[in-house]
Amino acid sequence: MAGFETPTSGAIRIDGRDVTGLPANRRKIGMVFQAYALFPNLTVADNIGFGLKVAGEEKAAIARRVGDMLELIGLPQLGSRYPFQLSGGQQQRVALARALAPRPQVLLLDEPLSALGAKIRISLREEIRRIQQDLGITTIFVTHDQEEALSISDRIVVMHQGIADQVGTPFDIYNRPATRFVAEFVGTLNLVDADVVDAASGRVRLGDVPVVLNRPLPARAGERIRLALRPETAALGRAEGHDIVLPGRIAEVHFLGAVIRIRVMVGGQLLSLDTFNRPGRPPPAVGAPVEVSLSDRDLLVLAA
């Protein structure tokens, strides 16, 4: 999309205009790289104004635009500094301002936060989202961080071996995965095997426990299928709206702060479930017998 490579097939269109054959400098695209790629011999202000200078804009116009960009990224006092005098997060903000200064039609970000610490990544991704919405600029954000993608996107494209496996909202990608790869790749997922008893009515068996899924299954009686379940949809004990109750035994307890992840052995298979931390109620002990309840609506049948 940025114009650094020539596609072997297909076309790239921006606002209906075919830019496949245009060089990078004529595509009206702003690019933010994984490595900050700032010019070390230029000040922050000169880095931000570089594209405008190359385009031949007047000095006064460049100075005004650079001032606006410094305000936008929250660094109005740092225009005279050099990149080595900035933190990683500040350098990436400057790289973002440099990409936005020439007023591109589309902004491309290639894993822009992967070199930063966890807390800085969270704050900066929220800042990128705010700037993107304030400017109303279409932005393509490449990332391998699923939380990053889910938290800032309007639409997600999940790529697998060069193919878009699924395109949808974060809600749909997470809750209604279209392929097995998407289901396993996005978020944490329980995968359990079940033996089909009656495909028409959706009756299966998890180990020795019978379960009714209340929908036809893409398999025959006697075949084994794989079911997927998000940890947050299962509950310890009997919960309202959960019509499936499975006996089990606590195998592991992982304290993660706000969330406690509990792994329960059910029918010879481990099932993870998440529960909120409650200071007045400690989690059950390893080895304790428990019941796990869930809804048939939350069990996904994964295709091969």
Protein backbone atom coordinates (compact mmCIF):
# COMPACT_ATOMS: atom_id res chain seq x y z
CA MET A 1 0.00 0.00 0.00
CA ALA A 2 2.85 2.38 0.80
CA GLY A 3 4.32 1.94 -2.68
CA PHE A 4 7.64 0.35 -1.72
CA GLU A 5 6.86 -2.88 -3.60
CA THR A 6 4.99 -3.61 -6.82
CA PRO A 7 2.00 -5.97 -6.50
CA THR A 8 2.03 -9.04 -8.76
CA SER A 9 -1.75 -8.81 -9.13
CA GLY A 10 -4.76 -6.85 -7.96
CA ALA A 11 -5.12 -3.11 -7.45
CA ILE A 12 -4.78 -0.53 -4.68
CA ARG A 13 -7.46 2.16 -4.70
CA ILE A 14 -7.70 5.14 -2.38
CA ASP A 15 -11.04 6.94 -2.47
CA GLY A 16 -11.72 5.26 -5.82
CA ARG A 17 -8.40 6.34 -7.35
CA ASP A 18 -6.11 3.56 -8.59
CA VAL A 19 -2.65 4.21 -7.14
CA THR A 20 -1.13 0.82 -7.95
CA GLY A 21 1.33 2.29 -10.45
CA LEU A 22 2.10 5.50 -8.58
CA PRO A 23 5.40 5.97 -6.74
CA ALA A 24 5.28 6.28 -2.95
CA ASN A 25 5.65 10.07 -2.94
CA ARG A 26 2.51 10.54 -5.07
CA ARG A 27 0.10 8.33 -3.12
CA LYS A 28 -0.78 10.84 -0.36
CA ILE A 29 -0.03 8.24 2.32
CA GLY A 30 1.56 8.88 5.71
CA MET A 31 3.79 6.11 7.06
CA VAL A 32 4.86 5.36 10.64
CA PHE A 33 7.49 2.64 10.92
CA GLN A 34 8.15 0.11 13.66
CA ALA A 35 11.60 1.65 14.12
CA TYR A 36 11.06 5.36 14.64
CA ALA A 37 13.20 6.23 11.56
CA LEU A 38 13.68 9.82 12.67
CA PHE A 39 16.55 11.80 11.17
CA PRO A 40 19.11 11.97 14.00
CA ASN A 41 20.73 15.17 12.68
CA LEU A 42 17.44 17.10 12.58
CA THR A 43 15.52 18.62 15.47
CA VAL A 44 12.01 17.47 16.34
CA ALA A 45 10.54 20.44 14.48
CA ASP A 46 12.70 19.80 11.40
CA ASN A 47 11.74 16.11 11.42
CA ILE A 48 8.04 16.98 11.49
CA GLY A 49 8.40 19.61 8.76
CA PHE A 50 10.63 17.50 6.51
CA GLY A 51 7.87 16.31 4.16
CA LEU A 52 6.48 19.83 3.85
CA LYS A 53 9.94 21.19 3.02
CA VAL A 54 10.42 18.55 0.32
CA ALA A 55 7.01 19.48 -1.10
CA GLY A 56 8.20 23.08 -1.44
CA GLU A 57 5.89 24.79 1.05
CA GLU A 58 6.79 28.23 2.40
CA LYS A 59 8.71 28.48 5.67
CA ALA A 60 5.90 30.32 7.45
CA ALA A 61 3.35 27.67 6.46
CA ILE A 62 5.72 24.91 7.56
CA ALA A 63 6.29 26.59 10.94
CA ARG A 64 2.53 26.90 11.54
CA ARG A 65 1.88 23.30 10.59
CA VAL A 66 4.75 22.03 12.76
CA GLY A 67 3.37 24.03 15.70
CA ASP A 68 -0.06 22.49 15.17
CA MET A 69 1.44 18.99 15.02
CA LEU A 70 3.47 19.51 18.20
CA GLU A 71 0.27 20.58 19.98
CA LEU A 72 -1.57 17.58 18.57
CA ILE A 73 0.95 15.07 19.95
CA GLY A 74 1.29 16.90 23.27
CA LEU A 75 4.95 17.97 22.87
CA PRO A 76 4.73 21.72 22.22
CA GLN A 77 7.91 22.52 24.15
CA LEU A 78 10.20 19.93 22.53
CA GLY A 79 10.53 21.24 18.99
CA SER A 80 14.20 22.22 19.42
CA ARG A 81 15.34 18.87 20.82
CA TYR A 82 17.00 16.08 18.88
CA PRO A 83 15.69 12.50 18.71
CA PHE A 84 18.36 11.14 21.08
CA GLN A 85 17.05 13.52 23.76
CA LEU A 86 13.57 11.94 23.67
CA SER A 87 12.08 8.79 25.18
CA GLY A 88 10.87 5.98 22.93
CA GLY A 89 7.25 7.05 23.31
CA GLN A 90 8.08 10.66 22.49
CA GLN A 91 10.06 9.61 19.41
CA GLN A 92 7.12 7.60 18.12
CA ARG A 93 4.81 10.59 18.66
CA VAL A 94 7.19 12.69 16.57
CA ALA A 95 7.18 10.00 13.86
CA LEU A 96 3.37 10.12 13.90
CA ALA A 97 3.36 13.92 13.62
CA ARG A 98 5.83 13.76 10.71
CA ALA A 99 3.52 11.33 8.88
CA LEU A 100 0.47 13.54 9.49
CA ALA A 101 2.05 16.90 8.68
CA PRO A 102 1.62 16.67 4.87
CA ARG A 103 -2.13 15.95 5.34
CA PRO A 104 -2.22 12.41 3.88
CA GLN A 105 -5.43 10.70 2.81
CA VAL A 106 -4.46 7.46 4.54
CA LEU A 107 -2.19 6.77 7.50
CA LEU A 108 -0.25 3.48 7.65
CA LEU A 109 1.24 2.28 10.94
CA ASP A 110 3.53 -0.75 10.80
CA GLU A 111 3.63 -2.22 14.33
CA PRO A 112 4.43 1.25 15.71
CA LEU A 113 4.30 0.26 19.40
CA SER A 114 6.18 -3.04 19.43
CA ALA A 115 9.46 -1.48 20.63
CA LEU A 116 7.85 0.23 23.64
CA GLY A 117 7.16 -0.89 27.21
CA ALA A 118 3.74 -2.23 28.18
CA LYS A 119 2.41 0.87 29.98
CA ILE A 120 3.67 3.25 27.30
CA ARG A 121 2.11 1.08 24.61
CA ILE A 122 -1.31 1.31 26.24
CA SER A 123 -1.20 5.08 26.69
CA LEU A 124 0.20 5.70 23.20
CA ARG A 125 -2.32 3.47 21.45
CA GLU A 126 -5.10 5.44 23.15
CA GLU A 127 -3.40 8.64 21.98
CA ILE A 128 -3.18 7.34 18.41
CA ARG A 129 -6.87 6.48 18.50
CA ARG A 130 -7.75 9.94 19.80
CA ILE A 131 -5.69 11.66 17.10
CA GLN A 132 -7.14 9.42 14.40
CA GLN A 133 -10.68 10.27 15.46
CA ASP A 134 -9.95 13.98 15.86
CA LEU A 135 -8.54 14.16 12.32
CA GLY A 136 -11.01 11.69 10.80
CA ILE A 137 -8.24 10.03 8.81
CA THR A 138 -8.52 6.44 7.59
CA THR A 139 -5.79 4.48 9.36
CA ILE A 140 -4.42 1.00 8.72
CA PHE A 141 -2.68 -0.35 11.82
CA VAL A 142 -0.59 -3.52 11.43
CA THR A 143 -0.08 -5.41 14.69
CA HIS A 144 0.42 -8.89 16.11
CA ASP A 145 -0.93 -7.74 19.49
CA GLN A 146 -4.53 -8.93 19.66
CA GLU A 147 -5.47 -6.66 22.57
CA GLU A 148 -4.11 -3.71 20.61
CA ALA A 149 -6.20 -4.62 17.57
CA LEU A 150 -9.38 -5.25 19.56
CA SER A 151 -9.11 -2.06 21.62
CA ILE A 152 -8.60 0.58 18.93
CA SER A 153 -10.12 -0.78 15.71
CA ASP A 154 -13.42 -0.13 14.00
CA ARG A 155 -12.75 -3.08 11.72
CA ILE A 156 -10.23 -5.92 11.89
CA VAL A 157 -8.79 -8.03 9.08
CA VAL A 158 -7.30 -11.29 10.36
CA MET A 159 -4.63 -12.45 7.90
CA HIS A 160 -3.56 -16.09 7.61
CA GLN A 161 -1.04 -17.31 5.03
CA GLY A 162 -1.68 -14.34 2.77
CA ILE A 163 -5.48 -14.59 2.91
CA ALA A 164 -8.00 -12.51 4.85
CA ASP A 165 -9.61 -15.24 6.98
CA GLN A 166 -12.19 -12.84 8.41
CA VAL A 167 -13.12 -9.15 8.21
CA GLY A 168 -15.39 -7.71 10.88
CA THR A 169 -15.84 -5.57 13.96
CA PRO A 170 -13.79 -6.44 17.05
CA PHE A 171 -17.00 -7.76 18.65
CA ASP A 172 -17.70 -10.12 15.76
CA ILE A 173 -14.09 -11.25 15.36
CA TYR A 174 -13.90 -12.20 19.04
CA ASN A 175 -17.39 -13.60 19.58
CA ARG A 176 -18.20 -15.02 16.14
CA PRO A 177 -14.96 -16.32 14.60
CA ALA A 178 -15.51 -17.50 11.04
CA THR A 179 -12.67 -20.03 10.90
CA ARG A 180 -10.81 -22.27 13.27
CA PHE A 181 -7.66 -20.17 12.85
CA VAL A 182 -9.46 -16.97 13.90
CA ALA A 183 -11.04 -18.72 16.88
CA GLU A 184 -7.70 -20.05 18.10
CA PHE A 185 -5.63 -16.95 17.24
CA VAL A 186 -7.76 -14.16 18.71
CA GLY A 187 -8.01 -14.17 22.50
CA THR A 188 -7.80 -17.08 24.92
CA LEU A 189 -9.83 -20.12 24.02
CA ASN A 190 -10.73 -23.47 25.55
CA LEU A 191 -10.58 -26.34 23.06
CA VAL A 192 -12.30 -29.55 24.12
CA ASP A 193 -13.09 -32.73 22.20
CA ALA A 194 -16.59 -34.16 22.23
CA ASP A 195 -18.05 -37.36 20.80
CA VAL A 196 -21.22 -36.95 18.73
CA VAL A 197 -24.18 -38.99 20.01
CA ASP A 198 -26.95 -37.53 17.81
CA ALA A 199 -25.95 -34.96 15.17
CA ALA A 200 -29.50 -33.79 14.38
CA SER A 201 -30.30 -32.69 17.94
CA GLY A 202 -26.75 -31.69 18.82
CA ARG A 203 -26.24 -34.28 21.56
CA VAL A 204 -22.58 -34.94 22.38
CA ARG A 205 -20.57 -36.41 25.21
CA LEU A 206 -17.67 -34.71 27.00
CA GLY A 207 -15.91 -37.68 28.50
CA ASP A 208 -18.68 -39.29 30.55
CA VAL A 209 -20.81 -36.13 30.66
CA PRO A 210 -23.74 -35.79 28.19
CA VAL A 211 -24.22 -32.31 26.71
CA VAL A 212 -26.98 -31.01 24.44
CA LEU A 213 -25.97 -28.20 22.06
CA ASN A 214 -29.52 -27.71 20.70
CA ARG A 215 -28.41 -27.33 17.07
CA PRO A 216 -27.49 -29.70 14.21
CA LEU A 217 -23.83 -30.67 14.02
CA PRO A 218 -21.63 -31.05 10.91
CA ALA A 219 -20.70 -34.61 11.85
CA ARG A 220 -22.14 -38.10 12.18
CA ALA A 221 -22.86 -40.09 15.32
CA GLY A 222 -19.68 -41.64 16.66
CA GLU A 223 -17.43 -38.94 15.19
CA ARG A 224 -15.39 -36.57 17.31
CA ILE A 225 -15.75 -32.79 17.05
CA ARG A 226 -13.87 -29.95 18.69
CA LEU A 227 -15.71 -27.36 20.76
CA ALA A 228 -14.39 -23.92 21.67
CA LEU A 229 -15.31 -21.83 24.70
CA ARG A 230 -14.07 -18.45 25.94
CA PRO A 231 -12.90 -18.55 29.59
CA GLU A 232 -15.15 -15.65 30.62
CA THR A 233 -18.34 -17.42 29.46
CA ALA A 234 -18.01 -20.31 31.94
CA ALA A 235 -18.75 -19.95 35.65
CA LEU A 236 -17.94 -21.79 38.85
CA GLY A 237 -21.12 -23.20 40.32
CA ARG A 238 -24.58 -22.93 38.86
CA ALA A 239 -25.13 -19.58 37.13
CA GLU A 240 -28.36 -18.08 35.81
CA GLY A 241 -28.81 -18.69 32.09
CA HIS A 242 -26.28 -21.53 32.07
CA ASP A 243 -28.12 -24.74 31.20
CA ILE A 244 -25.09 -27.06 31.11
CA VAL A 245 -23.54 -28.12 34.42
CA LEU A 246 -20.34 -30.19 34.43
CA PRO A 247 -18.73 -31.78 37.48
CA GLY A 248 -15.00 -31.23 37.81
CA ARG A 249 -12.01 -30.73 40.08
CA ILE A 250 -9.75 -27.68 40.46
CA ALA A 251 -6.43 -28.36 38.72
CA GLU A 252 -4.74 -24.93 38.74
CA VAL A 253 -5.37 -21.42 40.07
CA HIS A 254 -3.58 -18.42 38.52
CA PHE A 255 -3.95 -15.04 40.23
CA LEU A 256 -3.71 -12.29 37.55
CA GLY A 257 -4.77 -9.30 39.63
CA ALA A 258 -8.27 -8.19 38.66
CA VAL A 259 -8.94 -11.61 37.14
CA ILE A 260 -8.34 -15.10 38.51
CA ARG A 261 -7.93 -17.84 35.90
CA ILE A 262 -9.02 -21.24 37.18
CA ARG A 263 -8.35 -24.48 35.33
CA VAL A 264 -10.77 -27.30 36.05
CA MET A 265 -10.43 -30.93 35.02
CA VAL A 266 -13.77 -31.84 33.39
CA GLY A 267 -14.34 -35.22 31.77
CA GLY A 268 -10.59 -35.80 31.48
CA GLN A 269 -9.97 -32.41 29.81
CA LEU A 270 -8.78 -29.09 31.22
CA LEU A 271 -11.22 -26.20 31.04
CA SER A 272 -10.10 -22.63 31.86
CA LEU A 273 -12.51 -20.09 33.27
CA ASP A 274 -12.06 -16.50 34.39
CA THR A 275 -13.59 -14.94 37.47
CA PHE A 276 -13.16 -11.48 38.94
CA ASN A 277 -10.99 -11.08 42.01
CA ARG A 278 -13.05 -10.45 45.15
CA PRO A 279 -10.84 -9.65 48.18
CA GLY A 280 -13.35 -11.13 50.62
CA ARG A 281 -13.69 -14.41 48.76
CA PRO A 282 -10.49 -16.34 48.01
CA PRO A 283 -10.48 -18.76 45.07
CA PRO A 284 -11.07 -22.48 45.65
CA ALA A 285 -8.13 -24.68 46.55
CA VAL A 286 -6.42 -26.98 44.07
CA GLY A 287 -8.02 -30.42 44.22
CA ALA A 288 -11.43 -29.17 45.41
CA PRO A 289 -14.49 -30.67 43.67
CA VAL A 290 -16.57 -28.04 41.84
CA GLU A 291 -19.30 -27.60 39.27
CA VAL A 292 -18.77 -25.61 36.08
CA SER A 293 -21.79 -24.16 34.34
CA LEU A 294 -22.03 -22.80 30.81
CA SER A 295 -24.52 -22.09 28.07
CA ASP A 296 -24.82 -24.08 24.87
CA ARG A 297 -24.93 -20.72 23.01
CA ASP A 298 -21.34 -20.04 24.05
CA LEU A 299 -19.97 -23.34 22.74
CA LEU A 300 -18.55 -22.92 19.23
CA VAL A 301 -18.28 -25.93 16.96
CA LEU A 302 -15.01 -25.51 15.04
CA ALA A 303 -14.84 -26.62 11.46
CA ALA A 304 -11.79 -28.55 10.29
